[in-house]
């Protein structure tokens, strides 16, 4: 009899675009494994987060990058691009962040398969 089971979440890297296709301060959205992901560039680094505001479901990919945060265009909630933590209400729950790697000038994002 098995009393418990450990399940490992497998993340798969998906190539989304060339690094040059994302400008500084820009946010773009991609569908990765059926999941909407917002990808932003801030201070030369590329970040990937879930594209859904935890306050009311707004599309973060339509928002702005402000001092390392992504702002929801609906009510102004902000989230840290590195950690996903809420930095400004009305949201109170963090968003999920996703690992990004750059290989030969191409952007890859890890999202659970």
C-alpha atoms as a PDB file:
ATOM      1  CA  UNK A   1       0.000   0.000   0.000  1.00  0.00           C
ATOM      2  CA  UNK A   2       1.287   3.456  -0.929  1.00  0.00           C
ATOM      3  CA  UNK A   3       0.588   6.060   1.724  1.00  0.00           C
ATOM      4  CA  UNK A   4       1.791   9.001  -0.343  1.00  0.00           C
ATOM      5  CA  UNK A   5       3.099   9.801  -3.746  1.00  0.00           C
ATOM      6  CA  UNK A   6       5.580  12.412  -4.892  1.00  0.00           C
ATOM      7  CA  UNK A   7       4.726  14.060  -8.165  1.00  0.00           C
ATOM      8  CA  UNK A   8       7.374  16.053  -9.972  1.00  0.00           C
ATOM      9  CA  UNK A   9       6.213  18.899 -12.173  1.00  0.00           C
ATOM     10  CA  UNK A  10       8.081  18.724 -15.459  1.00  0.00           C
ATOM     11  CA  UNK A  11       8.904  22.017 -17.085  1.00  0.00           C
ATOM     12  CA  UNK A  12       9.675  22.146 -20.738  1.00  0.00           C
ATOM     13  CA  UNK A  13      11.554  24.986 -22.435  1.00  0.00           C
ATOM     14  CA  UNK A  14       9.809  26.434 -25.472  1.00  0.00           C
ATOM     15  CA  UNK A  15      11.457  28.774 -27.970  1.00  0.00           C
ATOM     16  CA  UNK A  16       9.262  31.858 -28.308  1.00  0.00           C
ATOM     17  CA  UNK A  17      11.223  34.437 -30.330  1.00  0.00           C
ATOM     18  CA  UNK A  18      14.584  36.029 -31.001  1.00  0.00           C
ATOM     19  CA  UNK A  19      15.999  38.107 -28.156  1.00  0.00           C
ATOM     20  CA  UNK A  20      16.135  41.114 -30.506  1.00  0.00           C
ATOM     21  CA  UNK A  21      12.354  40.846 -31.030  1.00  0.00           C
ATOM     22  CA  UNK A  22      11.668  42.172 -27.516  1.00  0.00           C
ATOM     23  CA  UNK A  23      12.597  45.816 -26.978  1.00  0.00           C
ATOM     24  CA  UNK A  24      13.560  47.360 -23.648  1.00  0.00           C
ATOM     25  CA  UNK A  25      10.400  48.120 -21.639  1.00  0.00           C
ATOM     26  CA  UNK A  26       8.193  46.120 -24.005  1.00  0.00           C
ATOM     27  CA  UNK A  27       5.717  43.422 -22.994  1.00  0.00           C
ATOM     28  CA  UNK A  28       4.614  40.714 -25.453  1.00  0.00           C
ATOM     29  CA  UNK A  29       2.304  37.773 -24.959  1.00  0.00           C
ATOM     30  CA  UNK A  30       2.787  34.189 -26.063  1.00  0.00           C
ATOM     31  CA  UNK A  31       0.747  31.022 -25.779  1.00  0.00           C
ATOM     32  CA  UNK A  32       2.975  28.285 -24.362  1.00  0.00           C
ATOM     33  CA  UNK A  33       1.450  24.847 -23.845  1.00  0.00           C
ATOM     34  CA  UNK A  34      -2.006  26.445 -23.868  1.00  0.00           C
ATOM     35  CA  UNK A  35      -1.034  28.934 -21.176  1.00  0.00           C
ATOM     36  CA  UNK A  36      -0.888  32.722 -21.789  1.00  0.00           C
ATOM     37  CA  UNK A  37       2.524  34.103 -20.798  1.00  0.00           C
ATOM     38  CA  UNK A  38       3.611  37.754 -20.677  1.00  0.00           C
ATOM     39  CA  UNK A  39       7.267  38.310 -21.568  1.00  0.00           C
ATOM     40  CA  UNK A  40       8.960  41.615 -20.766  1.00  0.00           C
ATOM     41  CA  UNK A  41      12.412  43.157 -21.041  1.00  0.00           C
ATOM     42  CA  UNK A  42      13.689  45.345 -18.223  1.00  0.00           C
ATOM     43  CA  UNK A  43      17.273  46.596 -17.848  1.00  0.00           C
ATOM     44  CA  UNK A  44      18.384  44.147 -20.546  1.00  0.00           C
ATOM     45  CA  UNK A  45      16.918  41.082 -18.827  1.00  0.00           C
ATOM     46  CA  UNK A  46      13.942  39.118 -20.102  1.00  0.00           C
ATOM     47  CA  UNK A  47      11.256  37.941 -17.685  1.00  0.00           C
ATOM     48  CA  UNK A  48       8.248  35.680 -18.153  1.00  0.00           C
ATOM     49  CA  UNK A  49       5.128  35.689 -15.963  1.00  0.00           C
ATOM     50  CA  UNK A  50       1.575  34.415 -16.191  1.00  0.00           C
ATOM     51  CA  UNK A  51      -0.447  36.810 -18.326  1.00  0.00           C
ATOM     52  CA  UNK A  52      -3.359  37.008 -15.886  1.00  0.00           C
ATOM     53  CA  UNK A  53      -3.709  39.565 -13.099  1.00  0.00           C
ATOM     54  CA  UNK A  54      -4.715  37.885  -9.841  1.00  0.00           C
ATOM     55  CA  UNK A  55      -7.007  40.806  -8.994  1.00  0.00           C
ATOM     56  CA  UNK A  56      -9.576  40.416 -11.763  1.00  0.00           C
ATOM     57  CA  UNK A  57      -8.075  38.435 -14.635  1.00  0.00           C
ATOM     58  CA  UNK A  58      -6.722  41.386 -16.653  1.00  0.00           C
ATOM     59  CA  UNK A  59      -4.191  40.743 -19.408  1.00  0.00           C
ATOM     60  CA  UNK A  60      -0.799  41.762 -18.013  1.00  0.00           C
ATOM     61  CA  UNK A  61       0.632  41.572 -21.521  1.00  0.00           C
ATOM     62  CA  UNK A  62      -1.319  44.733 -22.311  1.00  0.00           C
ATOM     63  CA  UNK A  63       0.232  46.533 -19.349  1.00  0.00           C
ATOM     64  CA  UNK A  64       3.393  48.536 -18.852  1.00  0.00           C
ATOM     65  CA  UNK A  65       6.802  47.794 -17.352  1.00  0.00           C
ATOM     66  CA  UNK A  66       7.527  50.270 -14.554  1.00  0.00           C
ATOM     67  CA  UNK A  67      10.741  50.034 -12.499  1.00  0.00           C
ATOM     68  CA  UNK A  68      11.003  46.241 -12.679  1.00  0.00           C
ATOM     69  CA  UNK A  69       7.280  45.691 -12.274  1.00  0.00           C
ATOM     70  CA  UNK A  70       4.497  44.802 -14.668  1.00  0.00           C
ATOM     71  CA  UNK A  71       1.332  46.860 -14.258  1.00  0.00           C
ATOM     72  CA  UNK A  72      -2.146  45.580 -15.025  1.00  0.00           C
ATOM     73  CA  UNK A  73      -3.906  47.959 -17.414  1.00  0.00           C
ATOM     74  CA  UNK A  74      -7.308  47.504 -15.730  1.00  0.00           C
ATOM     75  CA  UNK A  75      -6.847  48.743 -12.161  1.00  0.00           C
ATOM     76  CA  UNK A  76      -3.112  49.397 -11.824  1.00  0.00           C
ATOM     77  CA  UNK A  77      -2.076  46.384  -9.748  1.00  0.00           C
ATOM     78  CA  UNK A  78       1.666  45.767 -10.030  1.00  0.00           C
ATOM     79  CA  UNK A  79       3.825  42.671  -9.746  1.00  0.00           C
ATOM     80  CA  UNK A  80       7.597  42.260  -9.455  1.00  0.00           C
ATOM     81  CA  UNK A  81       8.901  40.772 -12.713  1.00  0.00           C
ATOM     82  CA  UNK A  82      11.568  38.687 -10.927  1.00  0.00           C
ATOM     83  CA  UNK A  83       9.492  37.219  -8.104  1.00  0.00           C
ATOM     84  CA  UNK A  84       5.857  37.674  -9.134  1.00  0.00           C
ATOM     85  CA  UNK A  85       5.110  39.265  -5.752  1.00  0.00           C
ATOM     86  CA  UNK A  86       2.461  41.971  -5.531  1.00  0.00           C
ATOM     87  CA  UNK A  87       4.006  45.441  -5.282  1.00  0.00           C
ATOM     88  CA  UNK A  88       0.813  47.493  -5.564  1.00  0.00           C
ATOM     89  CA  UNK A  89      -2.813  46.769  -4.794  1.00  0.00           C
ATOM     90  CA  UNK A  90      -5.601  46.070  -5.607  1.00  0.00           C
ATOM     91  CA  UNK A  91      -4.061  42.610  -6.214  1.00  0.00           C
ATOM     92  CA  UNK A  92      -3.137  40.645  -3.085  1.00  0.00           C
ATOM     93  CA  UNK A  93      -1.934  37.348  -4.595  1.00  0.00           C
ATOM     94  CA  UNK A  94       1.347  36.897  -6.494  1.00  0.00           C
ATOM     95  CA  UNK A  95       1.577  35.772 -10.114  1.00  0.00           C
ATOM     96  CA  UNK A  96       3.656  32.829 -11.262  1.00  0.00           C
ATOM     97  CA  UNK A  97       7.040  33.513 -12.823  1.00  0.00           C
ATOM     98  CA  UNK A  98       8.762  31.288 -15.376  1.00  0.00           C
ATOM     99  CA  UNK A  99      12.432  30.606 -15.981  1.00  0.00           C
ATOM    100  CA  UNK A 100      13.905  32.192 -19.089  1.00  0.00           C
ATOM    101  CA  UNK A 101      17.101  31.281 -20.892  1.00  0.00           C
ATOM    102  CA  UNK A 102      18.763  32.771 -23.943  1.00  0.00           C
ATOM    103  CA  UNK A 103      20.528  30.366 -26.296  1.00  0.00           C
ATOM    104  CA  UNK A 104      22.248  31.657 -29.432  1.00  0.00           C
ATOM    105  CA  UNK A 105      20.083  34.808 -29.406  1.00  0.00           C
ATOM    106  CA  UNK A 106      16.806  32.892 -29.038  1.00  0.00           C
ATOM    107  CA  UNK A 107      14.474  33.228 -26.014  1.00  0.00           C
ATOM    108  CA  UNK A 108      13.269  30.045 -24.312  1.00  0.00           C
ATOM    109  CA  UNK A 109      10.682  29.963 -21.529  1.00  0.00           C
ATOM    110  CA  UNK A 110      10.062  27.048 -19.145  1.00  0.00           C
ATOM    111  CA  UNK A 111       6.376  26.323 -18.531  1.00  0.00           C
ATOM    112  CA  UNK A 112       4.941  23.156 -16.962  1.00  0.00           C
ATOM    113  CA  UNK A 113       4.030  20.633 -19.635  1.00  0.00           C
END
